C-alpha atoms as a PDB file:
ATOM      1  CA  MET A   1       0.826 -12.591 -22.363  1.00  0.00           C
ATOM      2  CA  VAL A   2       2.992 -12.406 -19.208  1.00  0.00           C
ATOM      3  CA  SER A   3       2.267 -15.509 -16.443  1.00  0.00           C
ATOM      4  CA  HIS A   4       1.544 -15.569 -13.016  1.00  0.00           C
ATOM      5  CA  SER A   5       3.625 -17.632 -10.226  1.00  0.00           C
ATOM      6  CA  GLY A   6       1.500 -20.079  -8.334  1.00  0.00           C
ATOM      7  CA  LEU A   7       1.698 -17.581  -5.329  1.00  0.00           C
ATOM      8  CA  LEU A   8       1.031 -14.822  -7.081  1.00  0.00           C
ATOM      9  CA  THR A   9      -2.487 -16.933  -8.508  1.00  0.00           C
ATOM     10  CA  VAL A  10      -3.448 -17.850  -4.768  1.00  0.00           C
ATOM     11  CA  MET A  11      -3.069 -14.481  -4.194  1.00  0.00           C
ATOM     12  CA  GLU A  12      -5.273 -12.968  -6.510  1.00  0.00           C
ATOM     13  CA  ARG A  13      -7.622 -16.003  -6.394  1.00  0.00           C
ATOM     14  CA  ALA A  14      -8.046 -15.092  -2.681  1.00  0.00           C
ATOM     15  CA  ALA A  15      -8.352 -11.103  -2.809  1.00  0.00           C
ATOM     16  CA  ARG A  16     -11.324 -11.865  -6.325  1.00  0.00           C
ATOM     17  CA  LYS A  17     -12.767 -13.833  -3.650  1.00  0.00           C
ATOM     18  CA  ALA A  18     -13.285 -11.431  -1.339  1.00  0.00           C
ATOM     19  CA  ALA A  19     -14.183  -8.422  -3.288  1.00  0.00           C
ATOM     20  CA  PRO A  20     -17.548  -9.594  -4.526  1.00  0.00           C
ATOM     21  CA  ARG A  21     -18.578  -8.904  -0.860  1.00  0.00           C
ATOM     22  CA  LEU A  22     -16.623  -5.783  -0.391  1.00  0.00           C
ATOM     23  CA  ARG A  23     -18.515  -4.213  -3.466  1.00  0.00           C
ATOM     24  CA  ARG A  24     -21.407  -5.277  -2.248  1.00  0.00           C
ATOM     25  CA  ASP A  25     -20.913  -4.058   1.126  1.00  0.00           C
ATOM     26  CA  PHE A  26     -19.985  -0.287  -0.507  1.00  0.00           C
ATOM     27  CA  GLY A  27     -23.410  -0.141  -2.119  1.00  0.00           C
ATOM     28  CA  GLU A  28     -25.183  -0.173   1.531  1.00  0.00           C
ATOM     29  CA  VAL A  29     -22.692   1.842   2.794  1.00  0.00           C
ATOM     30  CA  GLN A  30     -23.632   4.277   0.727  1.00  0.00           C
ATOM     31  CA  HIS A  31     -27.103   3.674   1.833  1.00  0.00           C
ATOM     32  CA  LEU A  32     -26.432   3.569   5.536  1.00  0.00           C
ATOM     33  CA  GLN A  33     -27.372   7.327   7.455  1.00  0.00           C
ATOM     34  CA  VAL A  34     -23.760   8.816   7.997  1.00  0.00           C
ATOM     35  CA  SER A  35     -23.483   8.544  12.217  1.00  0.00           C
ATOM     36  CA  ARG A  36     -20.383   8.020  14.012  1.00  0.00           C
ATOM     37  CA  LYS A  37     -22.021   4.126  15.186  1.00  0.00           C
ATOM     38  CA  GLY A  38     -24.375   2.662  12.913  1.00  0.00           C
ATOM     39  CA  PRO A  39     -21.775   3.265   9.249  1.00  0.00           C
ATOM     40  CA  ALA A  40     -18.498   2.905  11.257  1.00  0.00           C
ATOM     41  CA  ASP A  41     -19.745  -0.271  12.616  1.00  0.00           C
ATOM     42  CA  PHE A  42     -20.611  -1.934   9.739  1.00  0.00           C
ATOM     43  CA  VAL A  43     -17.629  -1.322   7.434  1.00  0.00           C
ATOM     44  CA  SER A  44     -15.669  -2.799  10.570  1.00  0.00           C
ATOM     45  CA  MET A  45     -17.277  -5.773  10.002  1.00  0.00           C
ATOM     46  CA  ALA A  46     -16.938  -5.124   6.265  1.00  0.00           C
ATOM     47  CA  ASP A  47     -13.503  -5.071   6.897  1.00  0.00           C
ATOM     48  CA  GLN A  48     -13.223  -8.590   9.432  1.00  0.00           C
ATOM     49  CA  ARG A  49     -15.666 -10.529   7.012  1.00  0.00           C
ATOM     50  CA  ALA A  50     -12.572  -9.799   3.995  1.00  0.00           C
ATOM     51  CA  GLU A  51      -9.907  -9.748   6.229  1.00  0.00           C
ATOM     52  CA  ARG A  52     -11.516 -13.350   7.053  1.00  0.00           C
ATOM     53  CA  THR A  53     -11.846 -14.906   3.410  1.00  0.00           C
ATOM     54  CA  LEU A  54      -8.395 -13.752   2.731  1.00  0.00           C
ATOM     55  CA  TYR A  55      -6.593 -14.944   6.076  1.00  0.00           C
ATOM     56  CA  ASP A  56      -9.037 -18.334   5.115  1.00  0.00           C
ATOM     57  CA  GLU A  57      -8.057 -18.955   1.473  1.00  0.00           C
ATOM     58  CA  LEU A  58      -4.256 -18.188   2.252  1.00  0.00           C
ATOM     59  CA  LEU A  59      -3.764 -20.389   5.128  1.00  0.00           C
ATOM     60  CA  LYS A  60      -5.600 -23.055   2.774  1.00  0.00           C
ATOM     61  CA  ALA A  61      -3.133 -22.710  -0.055  1.00  0.00           C
ATOM     62  CA  ARG A  62       0.388 -22.405   2.618  1.00  0.00           C
ATOM     63  CA  PRO A  63      -0.953 -23.926   6.093  1.00  0.00           C
ATOM     64  CA  ASP A  64       2.532 -23.242   7.753  1.00  0.00           C
ATOM     65  CA  TRP A  65       3.180 -19.322   6.887  1.00  0.00           C
ATOM     66  CA  GLY A  66       2.114 -17.110   9.602  1.00  0.00           C
ATOM     67  CA  PHE A  67       0.247 -13.453   8.943  1.00  0.00           C
ATOM     68  CA  LEU A  68       0.555 -10.015   9.589  1.00  0.00           C
ATOM     69  CA  MET A  69      -2.913  -8.632   9.689  1.00  0.00           C
ATOM     70  CA  GLU A  70      -4.507  -4.999   9.744  1.00  0.00           C
ATOM     71  CA  GLU A  71      -7.445  -6.356  12.268  1.00  0.00           C
ATOM     72  CA  GLY A  72      -6.501 -10.019  12.869  1.00  0.00           C
ATOM     73  CA  GLY A  73      -2.477  -8.980  14.052  1.00  0.00           C
ATOM     74  CA  GLU A  74       0.255 -11.723  14.117  1.00  0.00           C
ATOM     75  CA  ILE A  75      -0.510 -14.838  13.746  1.00  0.00           C
ATOM     76  CA  VAL A  76       2.759 -17.114  13.982  1.00  0.00           C
ATOM     77  CA  GLY A  77       3.718 -19.544  11.173  1.00  0.00           C
ATOM     78  CA  ASP A  78       6.307 -21.738  10.647  1.00  0.00           C
ATOM     79  CA  PRO A  79       9.636 -19.534  11.320  1.00  0.00           C
ATOM     80  CA  ASP A  80      11.751 -20.628   8.042  1.00  0.00           C
ATOM     81  CA  LYS A  81       8.557 -20.106   6.293  1.00  0.00           C
ATOM     82  CA  PRO A  82       7.438 -16.233   4.446  1.00  0.00           C
ATOM     83  CA  ARG A  83       4.153 -14.780   6.021  1.00  0.00           C
ATOM     84  CA  TRP A  84       1.430 -12.742   4.498  1.00  0.00           C
ATOM     85  CA  ILE A  85       1.020  -9.092   4.862  1.00  0.00           C
ATOM     86  CA  ILE A  86      -2.623  -8.057   4.796  1.00  0.00           C
ATOM     87  CA  ASP A  87      -4.479  -5.069   4.083  1.00  0.00           C
ATOM     88  CA  PRO A  88      -8.501  -6.051   3.555  1.00  0.00           C
ATOM     89  CA  LEU A  89      -9.534  -2.831   3.294  1.00  0.00           C
ATOM     90  CA  ASP A  90      -6.740   0.040   2.486  1.00  0.00           C
ATOM     91  CA  GLY A  91      -9.501   3.571   2.589  1.00  0.00           C
ATOM     92  CA  THR A  92     -11.464   2.744   5.110  1.00  0.00           C
ATOM     93  CA  SER A  93     -12.524   6.518   6.046  1.00  0.00           C
ATOM     94  CA  ASN A  94     -12.859   6.693   2.006  1.00  0.00           C
ATOM     95  CA  PHE A  95     -14.737   3.287   2.360  1.00  0.00           C
ATOM     96  CA  LEU A  96     -17.149   4.676   5.124  1.00  0.00           C
ATOM     97  CA  HIS A  97     -18.268   7.625   3.159  1.00  0.00           C
ATOM     98  CA  GLY A  98     -18.808   6.627   0.433  1.00  0.00           C
ATOM     99  CA  VAL A  99     -15.685   7.025  -1.986  1.00  0.00           C
ATOM    100  CA  PRO A 100     -14.878   5.039  -4.475  1.00  0.00           C
ATOM    101  CA  HIS A 101     -10.679   4.286  -4.028  1.00  0.00           C
ATOM    102  CA  PHE A 102      -9.768   1.819  -1.628  1.00  0.00           C
ATOM    103  CA  ALA A 103      -7.927  -1.771  -1.673  1.00  0.00           C
ATOM    104  CA  ILE A 104      -7.253  -5.237  -0.997  1.00  0.00           C
ATOM    105  CA  SER A 105      -3.038  -5.353  -0.602  1.00  0.00           C
ATOM    106  CA  ILE A 106      -0.960  -8.542   0.566  1.00  0.00           C
ATOM    107  CA  GLY A 107       2.645  -9.150   0.476  1.00  0.00           C
ATOM    108  CA  VAL A 108       4.335 -12.170   1.088  1.00  0.00           C
ATOM    109  CA  GLN A 109       8.011 -11.320   3.440  1.00  0.00           C
ATOM    110  CA  GLU A 110      10.655 -13.827   3.532  1.00  0.00           C
ATOM    111  CA  PRO A 111      12.519 -14.427   7.450  1.00  0.00           C
ATOM    112  CA  LYS A 112      16.049 -13.431   7.594  1.00  0.00           C
ATOM    113  CA  LEU A 113      18.710 -16.277   8.788  1.00  0.00           C
ATOM    114  CA  GLY A 114      18.758 -15.902  12.372  1.00  0.00           C
ATOM    115  CA  GLY A 115      15.608 -14.377  13.452  1.00  0.00           C
ATOM    116  CA  GLY A 116      13.222 -11.569  12.377  1.00  0.00           C
ATOM    117  CA  TRP A 117      11.802 -10.638   8.771  1.00  0.00           C
ATOM    118  CA  GLY A 118      13.927  -9.183   5.718  1.00  0.00           C
ATOM    119  CA  GLU A 119      12.180  -8.321   2.262  1.00  0.00           C
ATOM    120  CA  ILE A 120       9.299  -8.636   0.449  1.00  0.00           C
ATOM    121  CA  THR A 121       9.272 -10.549  -2.482  1.00  0.00           C
ATOM    122  CA  THR A 122       6.100 -10.480  -4.167  1.00  0.00           C
ATOM    123  CA  GLY A 123       2.693  -8.221  -3.370  1.00  0.00           C
ATOM    124  CA  LEU A 124      -0.423  -7.849  -5.291  1.00  0.00           C
ATOM    125  CA  VAL A 125      -2.818  -4.150  -4.775  1.00  0.00           C
ATOM    126  CA  TYR A 126      -6.341  -5.169  -5.945  1.00  0.00           C
ATOM    127  CA  GLN A 127      -8.899  -2.652  -6.430  1.00  0.00           C
ATOM    128  CA  PRO A 128     -12.411  -4.018  -6.533  1.00  0.00           C
ATOM    129  CA  LEU A 129     -14.648  -1.168  -7.763  1.00  0.00           C
ATOM    130  CA  THR A 130     -12.485  -0.998 -10.870  1.00  0.00           C
ATOM    131  CA  ASP A 131     -11.328  -4.355 -11.285  1.00  0.00           C
ATOM    132  CA  GLU A 132      -7.107  -3.147 -10.932  1.00  0.00           C
ATOM    133  CA  SER A 133      -4.917  -5.704 -10.312  1.00  0.00           C
ATOM    134  CA  TYR A 134      -1.094  -4.377  -9.732  1.00  0.00           C
ATOM    135  CA  TRP A 135       1.090  -6.896  -9.027  1.00  0.00           C
ATOM    136  CA  ALA A 136       4.852  -7.844  -8.907  1.00  0.00           C
ATOM    137  CA  GLU A 137       7.676 -10.290  -7.837  1.00  0.00           C
ATOM    138  CA  LYS A 138      10.984  -9.730  -7.055  1.00  0.00           C
ATOM    139  CA  ASN A 139      13.576  -9.816 -10.335  1.00  0.00           C
ATOM    140  CA  ARG A 140       9.983 -10.089 -12.114  1.00  0.00           C
ATOM    141  CA  GLY A 141       8.793  -6.429 -13.242  1.00  0.00           C
ATOM    142  CA  ALA A 142       5.330  -5.162 -11.701  1.00  0.00           C
ATOM    143  CA  TRP A 143       2.828  -5.317 -13.897  1.00  0.00           C
ATOM    144  CA  GLN A 144      -1.229  -4.084 -13.896  1.00  0.00           C
ATOM    145  CA  GLN A 145      -3.104  -6.688 -15.613  1.00  0.00           C
ATOM    146  CA  ASP A 146      -0.732  -7.816 -18.310  1.00  0.00           C
ATOM    147  CA  ARG A 147       0.688  -4.690 -18.850  1.00  0.00           C
ATOM    148  CA  ARG A 148       3.983  -3.733 -17.023  1.00  0.00           C
ATOM    149  CA  LEU A 149       4.683  -0.488 -15.266  1.00  0.00           C
ATOM    150  CA  ARG A 150       7.440   1.756 -15.210  1.00  0.00           C
ATOM    151  CA  VAL A 151       7.515   4.807 -12.826  1.00  0.00           C
ATOM    152  CA  SER A 152       7.479   8.166 -14.399  1.00  0.00           C
ATOM    153  CA  ALA A 153      10.639   9.731 -16.447  1.00  0.00           C
ATOM    154  CA  ARG A 154       9.944  12.648 -15.627  1.00  0.00           C
ATOM    155  CA  ARG A 155      12.985  15.015 -14.094  1.00  0.00           C
ATOM    156  CA  ASP A 156      11.438  18.017 -12.778  1.00  0.00           C
ATOM    157  CA  LEU A 157       9.994  18.759  -9.688  1.00  0.00           C
ATOM    158  CA  ALA A 158       8.432  21.849 -10.761  1.00  0.00           C
ATOM    159  CA  ASP A 159       6.891  18.709 -13.996  1.00  0.00           C
ATOM    160  CA  SER A 160       5.581  16.752 -11.159  1.00  0.00           C
ATOM    161  CA  LEU A 161       2.484  15.573  -9.143  1.00  0.00           C
ATOM    162  CA  ILE A 162       3.452  14.500  -5.606  1.00  0.00           C
ATOM    163  CA  ALA A 163       0.795  12.244  -3.209  1.00  0.00           C
ATOM    164  CA  THR A 164       0.804  11.979   0.410  1.00  0.00           C
ATOM    165  CA  GLY A 165      -1.271  11.157   3.400  1.00  0.00           C
ATOM    166  CA  ILE A 166      -2.457  13.923   5.844  1.00  0.00           C
ATOM    167  CA  PRO A 167      -1.900  13.493   9.477  1.00  0.00           C
ATOM    168  CA  TYR A 168      -5.434  13.122  11.430  1.00  0.00           C
ATOM    169  CA  LEU A 169      -7.200  12.619  14.513  1.00  0.00           C
ATOM    170  CA  GLY A 170      -4.854  10.484  16.349  1.00  0.00           C
ATOM    171  CA  HIS A 171      -2.528   9.404  13.979  1.00  0.00           C
ATOM    172  CA  GLY A 172       0.395  11.244  12.818  1.00  0.00           C
ATOM    173  CA  ASP A 173       3.127  13.883  13.434  1.00  0.00           C
ATOM    174  CA  LEU A 174       1.058  17.624  11.857  1.00  0.00           C
ATOM    175  CA  SER A 175       3.729  19.601  12.562  1.00  0.00           C
ATOM    176  CA  GLN A 176       6.238  17.062  11.336  1.00  0.00           C
ATOM    177  CA  TRP A 177       4.339  16.962   7.830  1.00  0.00           C
ATOM    178  CA  THR A 178       3.330  20.906   7.429  1.00  0.00           C
ATOM    179  CA  ARG A 179       7.406  21.254   7.687  1.00  0.00           C
ATOM    180  CA  ILE A 180       7.439  18.712   5.157  1.00  0.00           C
ATOM    181  CA  PHE A 181       4.677  19.934   2.893  1.00  0.00           C
ATOM    182  CA  GLY A 182       6.030  23.935   3.373  1.00  0.00           C
ATOM    183  CA  ALA A 183       9.066  22.530   2.009  1.00  0.00           C
ATOM    184  CA  VAL A 184       7.604  19.980  -0.729  1.00  0.00           C
ATOM    185  CA  ALA A 185       4.218  21.845  -2.444  1.00  0.00           C
ATOM    186  CA  PRO A 186       5.766  25.199  -3.590  1.00  0.00           C
ATOM    187  CA  GLU A 187       8.272  23.567  -6.025  1.00  0.00           C
ATOM    188  CA  VAL A 188       6.022  20.638  -7.687  1.00  0.00           C
ATOM    189  CA  ALA A 189       3.156  21.248  -9.847  1.00  0.00           C
ATOM    190  CA  GLY A 190       0.463  19.010  -7.519  1.00  0.00           C
ATOM    191  CA  VAL A 191      -0.119  17.687  -4.098  1.00  0.00           C
ATOM    192  CA  ARG A 192      -2.651  14.857  -4.476  1.00  0.00           C
ATOM    193  CA  ARG A 193      -3.984  12.767  -1.089  1.00  0.00           C
ATOM    194  CA  PHE A 194      -6.233  10.102  -1.788  1.00  0.00           C
ATOM    195  CA  GLY A 195      -6.287   8.315   0.997  1.00  0.00           C
ATOM    196  CA  ALA A 196      -5.192   4.593   0.515  1.00  0.00           C
ATOM    197  CA  ALA A 197      -1.552   4.523   0.392  1.00  0.00           C
ATOM    198  CA  SER A 198      -0.871   0.832  -1.154  1.00  0.00           C
ATOM    199  CA  LEU A 199      -3.223   2.483  -4.143  1.00  0.00           C
ATOM    200  CA  ASP A 200      -0.594   5.541  -3.551  1.00  0.00           C
ATOM    201  CA  LEU A 201       2.192   3.337  -3.976  1.00  0.00           C
ATOM    202  CA  ALA A 202       0.794   1.424  -6.910  1.00  0.00           C
ATOM    203  CA  HIS A 203      -0.111   4.548  -9.267  1.00  0.00           C
ATOM    204  CA  VAL A 204       3.711   5.829  -8.328  1.00  0.00           C
ATOM    205  CA  ALA A 205       4.359   2.647  -9.964  1.00  0.00           C
ATOM    206  CA  ALA A 206       2.241   3.148 -13.306  1.00  0.00           C
ATOM    207  CA  GLY A 207       3.899   6.676 -13.800  1.00  0.00           C
ATOM    208  CA  ARG A 208       0.469   8.183 -13.009  1.00  0.00           C
ATOM    209  CA  TYR A 209       2.016  10.107  -9.445  1.00  0.00           C
ATOM    210  CA  ASP A 210       6.296  11.389 -10.210  1.00  0.00           C
ATOM    211  CA  GLY A 211       6.869  10.614  -6.040  1.00  0.00           C
ATOM    212  CA  PHE A 212       5.545  10.253  -2.897  1.00  0.00           C
ATOM    213  CA  TRP A 213       5.770  10.471   0.826  1.00  0.00           C
ATOM    214  CA  GLU A 214       3.801   9.421   4.292  1.00  0.00           C
ATOM    215  CA  SER A 215       4.966   8.592   7.439  1.00  0.00           C
ATOM    216  CA  ASP A 216       3.139   6.571  10.563  1.00  0.00           C
ATOM    217  CA  LEU A 217       2.336   3.835   7.875  1.00  0.00           C
ATOM    218  CA  SER A 218       1.823   0.165   8.897  1.00  0.00           C
ATOM    219  CA  PRO A 219       3.532  -2.585   7.050  1.00  0.00           C
ATOM    220  CA  TRP A 220       0.097  -3.518   5.611  1.00  0.00           C
ATOM    221  CA  ASP A 221      -0.383  -0.089   4.102  1.00  0.00           C
ATOM    222  CA  VAL A 222       3.164  -0.477   1.924  1.00  0.00           C
ATOM    223  CA  ALA A 223       4.259  -3.762   1.712  1.00  0.00           C
ATOM    224  CA  ALA A 224       2.808  -4.904  -0.989  1.00  0.00           C
ATOM    225  CA  GLY A 225       3.036  -1.140  -2.271  1.00  0.00           C
ATOM    226  CA  MET A 226       6.587  -0.977  -1.992  1.00  0.00           C
ATOM    227  CA  LEU A 227       7.904  -3.667  -3.982  1.00  0.00           C
ATOM    228  CA  LEU A 228       5.918  -2.443  -6.909  1.00  0.00           C
ATOM    229  CA  VAL A 229       7.693   1.013  -6.859  1.00  0.00           C
ATOM    230  CA  ARG A 230      11.083  -0.997  -6.831  1.00  0.00           C
ATOM    231  CA  GLU A 231      10.190  -3.603  -9.584  1.00  0.00           C
ATOM    232  CA  ALA A 232       9.504  -0.965 -11.817  1.00  0.00           C
ATOM    233  CA  GLY A 233      12.267   0.789 -11.377  1.00  0.00           C
ATOM    234  CA  GLY A 234      12.505   3.360  -8.968  1.00  0.00           C
ATOM    235  CA  PHE A 235      13.076   4.105  -5.251  1.00  0.00           C
ATOM    236  CA  VAL A 236      11.552   3.516  -1.910  1.00  0.00           C
ATOM    237  CA  THR A 237      13.229   5.009   1.382  1.00  0.00           C
ATOM    238  CA  ASP A 238      12.987   6.211   4.698  1.00  0.00           C
ATOM    239  CA  PHE A 239      13.087   9.759   5.868  1.00  0.00           C
ATOM    240  CA  ARG A 240      16.665   9.301   5.921  1.00  0.00           C
ATOM    241  CA  GLY A 241      17.219   7.461   2.413  1.00  0.00           C
ATOM    242  CA  GLY A 242      17.820   4.988   4.189  1.00  0.00           C
ATOM    243  CA  ASP A 243      16.189   0.503   4.256  1.00  0.00           C
ATOM    244  CA  ARG A 244      14.260   0.783   7.081  1.00  0.00           C
ATOM    245  CA  CYS A 245      11.302   2.162   6.331  1.00  0.00           C
ATOM    246  CA  ILE A 246       9.183  -0.173   8.047  1.00  0.00           C
ATOM    247  CA  GLU A 247      10.747   0.069  11.248  1.00  0.00           C
ATOM    248  CA  ARG A 248      11.224   3.710  10.869  1.00  0.00           C
ATOM    249  CA  ARG A 249       7.279   3.962   9.465  1.00  0.00           C
ATOM    250  CA  GLU A 250       8.780   6.552   6.901  1.00  0.00           C
ATOM    251  CA  PHE A 251       8.718   6.827   3.218  1.00  0.00           C
ATOM    252  CA  ILE A 252       9.612   8.418  -0.080  1.00  0.00           C
ATOM    253  CA  ALA A 253       9.311   7.068  -3.611  1.00  0.00           C
ATOM    254  CA  GLY A 254       9.435   7.875  -7.148  1.00  0.00           C
ATOM    255  CA  ASN A 255      11.882   7.722  -9.974  1.00  0.00           C
ATOM    256  CA  ASP A 256      15.757   8.192  -9.017  1.00  0.00           C
ATOM    257  CA  VAL A 257      15.823  11.878  -9.611  1.00  0.00           C
ATOM    258  CA  ILE A 258      12.355  12.806  -8.166  1.00  0.00           C
ATOM    259  CA  HIS A 259      13.040  10.371  -5.085  1.00  0.00           C
ATOM    260  CA  SER A 260      16.375  11.879  -4.786  1.00  0.00           C
ATOM    261  CA  LYS A 261      15.225  15.775  -4.844  1.00  0.00           C
ATOM    262  CA  LEU A 262      12.071  15.040  -2.668  1.00  0.00           C
ATOM    263  CA  HIS A 263      14.442  13.424  -0.473  1.00  0.00           C
ATOM    264  CA  LYS A 264      16.600  16.300   0.312  1.00  0.00           C
ATOM    265  CA  LEU A 265      13.461  18.266   0.473  1.00  0.00           C
ATOM    266  CA  VAL A 266      12.062  16.569   3.024  1.00  0.00           C
ATOM    267  CA  ALA A 267      15.794  16.274   4.891  1.00  0.00           C
ATOM    268  CA  SER A 268      16.022  20.344   4.453  1.00  0.00           C
ATOM    269  CA  ALA A 269      12.339  20.365   6.332  1.00  0.00           C
ATOM    270  CA  LEU A 270      13.053  17.798   9.141  1.00  0.00           C
ATOM    271  CA  ARG A 271      16.802  19.859  10.269  1.00  0.00           C
END
């Protein structure tokens, strides 16, 4: 059985401590009246409670590290030490509507010499309802529990299942997405939108999806998932094929061949 590093053990312990409350809150939200006020406020509290648990556990383990969090924003730590990137509830809209597809995502980002932030070196995506734990460490591979993950071996788009995210109220560029979808959809076996980018990328790493594209994502949505795909033998780039995904908020993922073909379709759609 593969063993966790001490750092990964800290991350998994924090996620598993936050998970029971999320499961209880998910059970409660299914019974709430679906109105604009009640469930939204309830889910916001669930999000914040989970983030607080993660923050407390991770701070206790690494008191000099900084944080970048969906709810709490940036908390500066020692500039020479890594920082945590946390999404306590990726898939909030699913959670709100009683759809059992959401995750906790935790990434570790290293500082650059001279300032700024560099690569992600450790990542965890944990699904509280299914108890699926996807994790990766730089140069140690990607894993689901103790099973090694590899990206899909498919080479033909016609056989490929591709994941994406669809722009919605106040988020994303619908015109751009429509052009990309128009280029990709006729070439592939199917396109899926499940509403949690961290799990989409984990499923690319596991070979369930053959590829993925999305834009307008935040670092906490993708930090852990990007590392999972790369450590599973895949590629993640921006829409130009470069390595400025987080800066540009553009993401294409897949194995070497599917990624290349997706990139060409996306590039042609955006010309």
